[in-house]
Amino acid sequence: MTKKRKKTLVYFYLILFIIILIILTFNSSGLLNFYQLQIELNESKMKIEEVDQMNTKLDAVNDSLVSNDIKIEEVARERHNMKKENEEVLKISEEN
Protein backbone atom coordinates (compact mmCIF):
# COMPACT_ATOMS: atom_id res chain seq x y z
CA MET A 1 0.00 0.00 0.00
CA THR A 2 1.12 3.42 -0.73
CA LYS A 3 1.28 6.22 1.80
CA LYS A 4 -1.52 8.10 0.10
CA ARG A 5 -3.79 5.06 0.20
CA LYS A 6 -3.03 4.48 3.90
CA LYS A 7 -3.74 8.11 4.68
CA THR A 8 -7.04 7.98 2.79
CA LEU A 9 -8.00 4.79 4.62
CA VAL A 10 -7.22 6.38 8.01
CA TYR A 11 -9.36 9.42 7.15
CA PHE A 12 -12.17 7.17 5.96
CA TYR A 13 -12.19 5.18 9.23
CA LEU A 14 -11.94 8.37 11.28
CA ILE A 15 -14.94 9.92 9.52
CA LEU A 16 -16.86 6.65 9.80
CA PHE A 17 -16.11 6.52 13.54
CA ILE A 18 -17.26 10.12 14.02
CA ILE A 19 -20.51 9.44 12.12
CA ILE A 20 -21.23 6.34 14.20
CA LEU A 21 -20.45 8.24 17.39
CA ILE A 22 -22.84 11.05 16.41
CA ILE A 23 -25.59 8.56 15.56
CA LEU A 24 -25.16 6.71 18.86
CA THR A 25 -25.20 9.94 20.83
CA PHE A 26 -27.99 11.95 19.24
CA ASN A 27 -30.60 9.49 17.93
CA SER A 28 -33.85 8.77 19.79
CA SER A 29 -32.37 5.85 21.72
CA GLY A 30 -28.91 7.34 22.07
CA LEU A 31 -26.77 8.22 25.04
CA LEU A 32 -28.29 11.67 25.64
CA ASN A 33 -31.78 10.21 25.78
CA PHE A 34 -30.51 7.46 28.09
CA TYR A 35 -29.07 9.98 30.54
CA GLN A 36 -32.25 12.08 30.48
CA LEU A 37 -34.32 8.98 31.22
CA GLN A 38 -31.99 8.05 34.07
CA ILE A 39 -32.48 11.50 35.62
CA GLU A 40 -36.27 11.18 35.28
CA LEU A 41 -36.14 7.71 36.81
CA ASN A 42 -34.18 8.95 39.82
CA GLU A 43 -36.60 11.85 40.31
CA SER A 44 -39.55 9.47 40.13
CA LYS A 45 -37.96 7.14 42.68
CA MET A 46 -37.46 10.08 45.05
CA LYS A 47 -41.11 11.14 44.64
CA ILE A 48 -42.26 7.57 45.29
CA GLU A 49 -40.16 7.45 48.46
CA GLU A 50 -41.66 10.75 49.66
CA VAL A 51 -45.19 9.50 48.98
CA ASP A 52 -44.44 6.24 50.81
CA GLN A 53 -43.25 8.20 53.84
CA MET A 54 -46.38 10.35 53.76
CA ASN A 55 -48.53 7.21 53.51
CA THR A 56 -46.79 5.76 56.54
CA LYS A 57 -47.48 8.92 58.54
CA LEU A 58 -51.11 9.00 57.42
CA ASP A 59 -51.54 5.32 58.30
CA ALA A 60 -50.28 6.07 61.80
CA VAL A 61 -52.74 8.96 62.16
CA ASN A 62 -55.54 6.80 60.81
CA ASP A 63 -54.73 3.99 63.25
CA SER A 64 -54.71 6.42 66.15
CA LEU A 65 -58.11 7.77 65.09
CA VAL A 66 -59.61 4.32 64.75
CA SER A 67 -58.41 3.00 68.09
CA ASN A 68 -58.33 6.08 70.34
CA ASP A 69 -61.65 7.68 71.36
CA ILE A 70 -59.91 10.67 72.93
CA LYS A 71 -58.15 11.43 69.65
CA ILE A 72 -61.45 11.14 67.76
CA GLU A 73 -63.07 13.61 70.16
CA GLU A 74 -60.14 16.02 69.82
CA VAL A 75 -60.36 16.01 66.03
CA ALA A 76 -64.13 16.41 66.09
CA ARG A 77 -63.87 19.42 68.40
CA GLU A 78 -61.02 21.14 66.54
CA ARG A 79 -61.89 20.54 62.91
CA HIS A 80 -65.67 20.24 62.99
CA ASN A 81 -66.53 22.62 65.85
CA MET A 82 -68.46 19.93 67.69
CA LYS A 83 -69.32 20.12 71.36
CA LYS A 84 -70.84 17.97 74.06
CA GLU A 85 -74.39 18.48 75.27
CA ASN A 86 -74.76 21.28 77.85
CA GLU A 87 -71.35 22.63 76.94
CA GLU A 88 -70.64 26.18 75.85
CA VAL A 89 -67.82 27.03 73.49
CA LEU A 90 -65.84 30.17 74.16
CA LYS A 91 -64.00 31.72 71.25
CA ILE A 92 -61.09 33.95 72.07
CA SER A 93 -60.13 36.42 69.41
CA GLU A 94 -56.81 38.15 69.32
CA GLU A 95 -56.80 41.92 68.99
CA ASN A 96 -54.04 43.53 67.00
C-alpha atoms as a PDB file:
ATOM      1  CA  MET A   1       0.000   0.000   0.000  1.00  0.00           C
ATOM      2  CA  THR A   2       1.117   3.422  -0.733  1.00  0.00           C
ATOM      3  CA  LYS A   3       1.277   6.223   1.797  1.00  0.00           C
ATOM      4  CA  LYS A   4      -1.522   8.100   0.099  1.00  0.00           C
ATOM      5  CA  ARG A   5      -3.793   5.064   0.203  1.00  0.00           C
ATOM      6  CA  LYS A   6      -3.028   4.483   3.903  1.00  0.00           C
ATOM      7  CA  LYS A   7      -3.739   8.114   4.684  1.00  0.00           C
ATOM      8  CA  THR A   8      -7.040   7.981   2.788  1.00  0.00           C
ATOM      9  CA  LEU A   9      -8.001   4.790   4.620  1.00  0.00           C
ATOM     10  CA  VAL A  10      -7.220   6.385   8.007  1.00  0.00           C
ATOM     11  CA  TYR A  11      -9.361   9.419   7.153  1.00  0.00           C
ATOM     12  CA  PHE A  12     -12.169   7.168   5.962  1.00  0.00           C
ATOM     13  CA  TYR A  13     -12.191   5.181   9.229  1.00  0.00           C
ATOM     14  CA  LEU A  14     -11.938   8.369  11.278  1.00  0.00           C
ATOM     15  CA  ILE A  15     -14.938   9.922   9.518  1.00  0.00           C
ATOM     16  CA  LEU A  16     -16.858   6.650   9.805  1.00  0.00           C
ATOM     17  CA  PHE A  17     -16.105   6.519  13.544  1.00  0.00           C
ATOM     18  CA  ILE A  18     -17.262  10.119  14.024  1.00  0.00           C
ATOM     19  CA  ILE A  19     -20.507   9.443  12.125  1.00  0.00           C
ATOM     20  CA  ILE A  20     -21.228   6.338  14.196  1.00  0.00           C
ATOM     21  CA  LEU A  21     -20.455   8.241  17.393  1.00  0.00           C
ATOM     22  CA  ILE A  22     -22.839  11.048  16.408  1.00  0.00           C
ATOM     23  CA  ILE A  23     -25.586   8.559  15.558  1.00  0.00           C
ATOM     24  CA  LEU A  24     -25.164   6.708  18.864  1.00  0.00           C
ATOM     25  CA  THR A  25     -25.198   9.943  20.831  1.00  0.00           C
ATOM     26  CA  PHE A  26     -27.995  11.951  19.242  1.00  0.00           C
ATOM     27  CA  ASN A  27     -30.596   9.495  17.935  1.00  0.00           C
ATOM     28  CA  SER A  28     -33.852   8.770  19.789  1.00  0.00           C
ATOM     29  CA  SER A  29     -32.371   5.853  21.717  1.00  0.00           C
ATOM     30  CA  GLY A  30     -28.912   7.343  22.075  1.00  0.00           C
ATOM     31  CA  LEU A  31     -26.771   8.216  25.035  1.00  0.00           C
ATOM     32  CA  LEU A  32     -28.286  11.666  25.635  1.00  0.00           C
ATOM     33  CA  ASN A  33     -31.784  10.214  25.779  1.00  0.00           C
ATOM     34  CA  PHE A  34     -30.514   7.465  28.086  1.00  0.00           C
ATOM     35  CA  TYR A  35     -29.069   9.982  30.540  1.00  0.00           C
ATOM     36  CA  GLN A  36     -32.249  12.083  30.480  1.00  0.00           C
ATOM     37  CA  LEU A  37     -34.319   8.984  31.220  1.00  0.00           C
ATOM     38  CA  GLN A  38     -31.987   8.054  34.073  1.00  0.00           C
ATOM     39  CA  ILE A  39     -32.476  11.499  35.615  1.00  0.00           C
ATOM     40  CA  GLU A  40     -36.271  11.185  35.280  1.00  0.00           C
ATOM     41  CA  LEU A  41     -36.142   7.708  36.813  1.00  0.00           C
ATOM     42  CA  ASN A  42     -34.176   8.954  39.816  1.00  0.00           C
ATOM     43  CA  GLU A  43     -36.605  11.849  40.314  1.00  0.00           C
ATOM     44  CA  SER A  44     -39.550   9.467  40.132  1.00  0.00           C
ATOM     45  CA  LYS A  45     -37.957   7.143  42.678  1.00  0.00           C
ATOM     46  CA  MET A  46     -37.462  10.078  45.052  1.00  0.00           C
ATOM     47  CA  LYS A  47     -41.108  11.137  44.638  1.00  0.00           C
ATOM     48  CA  ILE A  48     -42.262   7.570  45.290  1.00  0.00           C
ATOM     49  CA  GLU A  49     -40.164   7.454  48.455  1.00  0.00           C
ATOM     50  CA  GLU A  50     -41.660  10.753  49.664  1.00  0.00           C
ATOM     51  CA  VAL A  51     -45.187   9.501  48.983  1.00  0.00           C
ATOM     52  CA  ASP A  52     -44.441   6.243  50.812  1.00  0.00           C
ATOM     53  CA  GLN A  53     -43.248   8.196  53.839  1.00  0.00           C
ATOM     54  CA  MET A  54     -46.379  10.348  53.759  1.00  0.00           C
ATOM     55  CA  ASN A  55     -48.531   7.212  53.510  1.00  0.00           C
ATOM     56  CA  THR A  56     -46.788   5.763  56.542  1.00  0.00           C
ATOM     57  CA  LYS A  57     -47.482   8.923  58.540  1.00  0.00           C
ATOM     58  CA  LEU A  58     -51.114   8.998  57.420  1.00  0.00           C
ATOM     59  CA  ASP A  59     -51.542   5.321  58.302  1.00  0.00           C
ATOM     60  CA  ALA A  60     -50.280   6.070  61.801  1.00  0.00           C
ATOM     61  CA  VAL A  61     -52.740   8.959  62.161  1.00  0.00           C
ATOM     62  CA  ASN A  62     -55.541   6.797  60.806  1.00  0.00           C
ATOM     63  CA  ASP A  63     -54.732   3.987  63.248  1.00  0.00           C
ATOM     64  CA  SER A  64     -54.715   6.417  66.150  1.00  0.00           C
ATOM     65  CA  LEU A  65     -58.112   7.773  65.087  1.00  0.00           C
ATOM     66  CA  VAL A  66     -59.609   4.317  64.754  1.00  0.00           C
ATOM     67  CA  SER A  67     -58.410   2.996  68.093  1.00  0.00           C
ATOM     68  CA  ASN A  68     -58.332   6.077  70.339  1.00  0.00           C
ATOM     69  CA  ASP A  69     -61.647   7.681  71.365  1.00  0.00           C
ATOM     70  CA  ILE A  70     -59.907  10.667  72.930  1.00  0.00           C
ATOM     71  CA  LYS A  71     -58.151  11.428  69.649  1.00  0.00           C
ATOM     72  CA  ILE A  72     -61.452  11.143  67.764  1.00  0.00           C
ATOM     73  CA  GLU A  73     -63.075  13.609  70.164  1.00  0.00           C
ATOM     74  CA  GLU A  74     -60.141  16.018  69.821  1.00  0.00           C
ATOM     75  CA  VAL A  75     -60.361  16.011  66.027  1.00  0.00           C
ATOM     76  CA  ALA A  76     -64.132  16.411  66.093  1.00  0.00           C
ATOM     77  CA  ARG A  77     -63.868  19.418  68.400  1.00  0.00           C
ATOM     78  CA  GLU A  78     -61.016  21.140  66.539  1.00  0.00           C
ATOM     79  CA  ARG A  79     -61.892  20.538  62.914  1.00  0.00           C
ATOM     80  CA  HIS A  80     -65.667  20.244  62.991  1.00  0.00           C
ATOM     81  CA  ASN A  81     -66.534  22.620  65.846  1.00  0.00           C
ATOM     82  CA  MET A  82     -68.458  19.933  67.687  1.00  0.00           C
ATOM     83  CA  LYS A  83     -69.315  20.116  71.357  1.00  0.00           C
ATOM     84  CA  LYS A  84     -70.842  17.974  74.055  1.00  0.00           C
ATOM     85  CA  GLU A  85     -74.386  18.477  75.267  1.00  0.00           C
ATOM     86  CA  ASN A  86     -74.764  21.275  77.850  1.00  0.00           C
ATOM     87  CA  GLU A  87     -71.355  22.631  76.939  1.00  0.00           C
ATOM     88  CA  GLU A  88     -70.644  26.180  75.851  1.00  0.00           C
ATOM     89  CA  VAL A  89     -67.820  27.030  73.487  1.00  0.00           C
ATOM     90  CA  LEU A  90     -65.837  30.173  74.163  1.00  0.00           C
ATOM     91  CA  LYS A  91     -64.001  31.721  71.255  1.00  0.00           C
ATOM     92  CA  ILE A  92     -61.087  33.949  72.068  1.00  0.00           C
ATOM     93  CA  SER A  93     -60.126  36.418  69.413  1.00  0.00           C
ATOM     94  CA  GLU A  94     -56.807  38.154  69.321  1.00  0.00           C
ATOM     95  CA  GLU A  95     -56.800  41.925  68.994  1.00  0.00           C
ATOM     96  CA  ASN A  96     -54.040  43.527  66.999  1.00  0.00           C
END
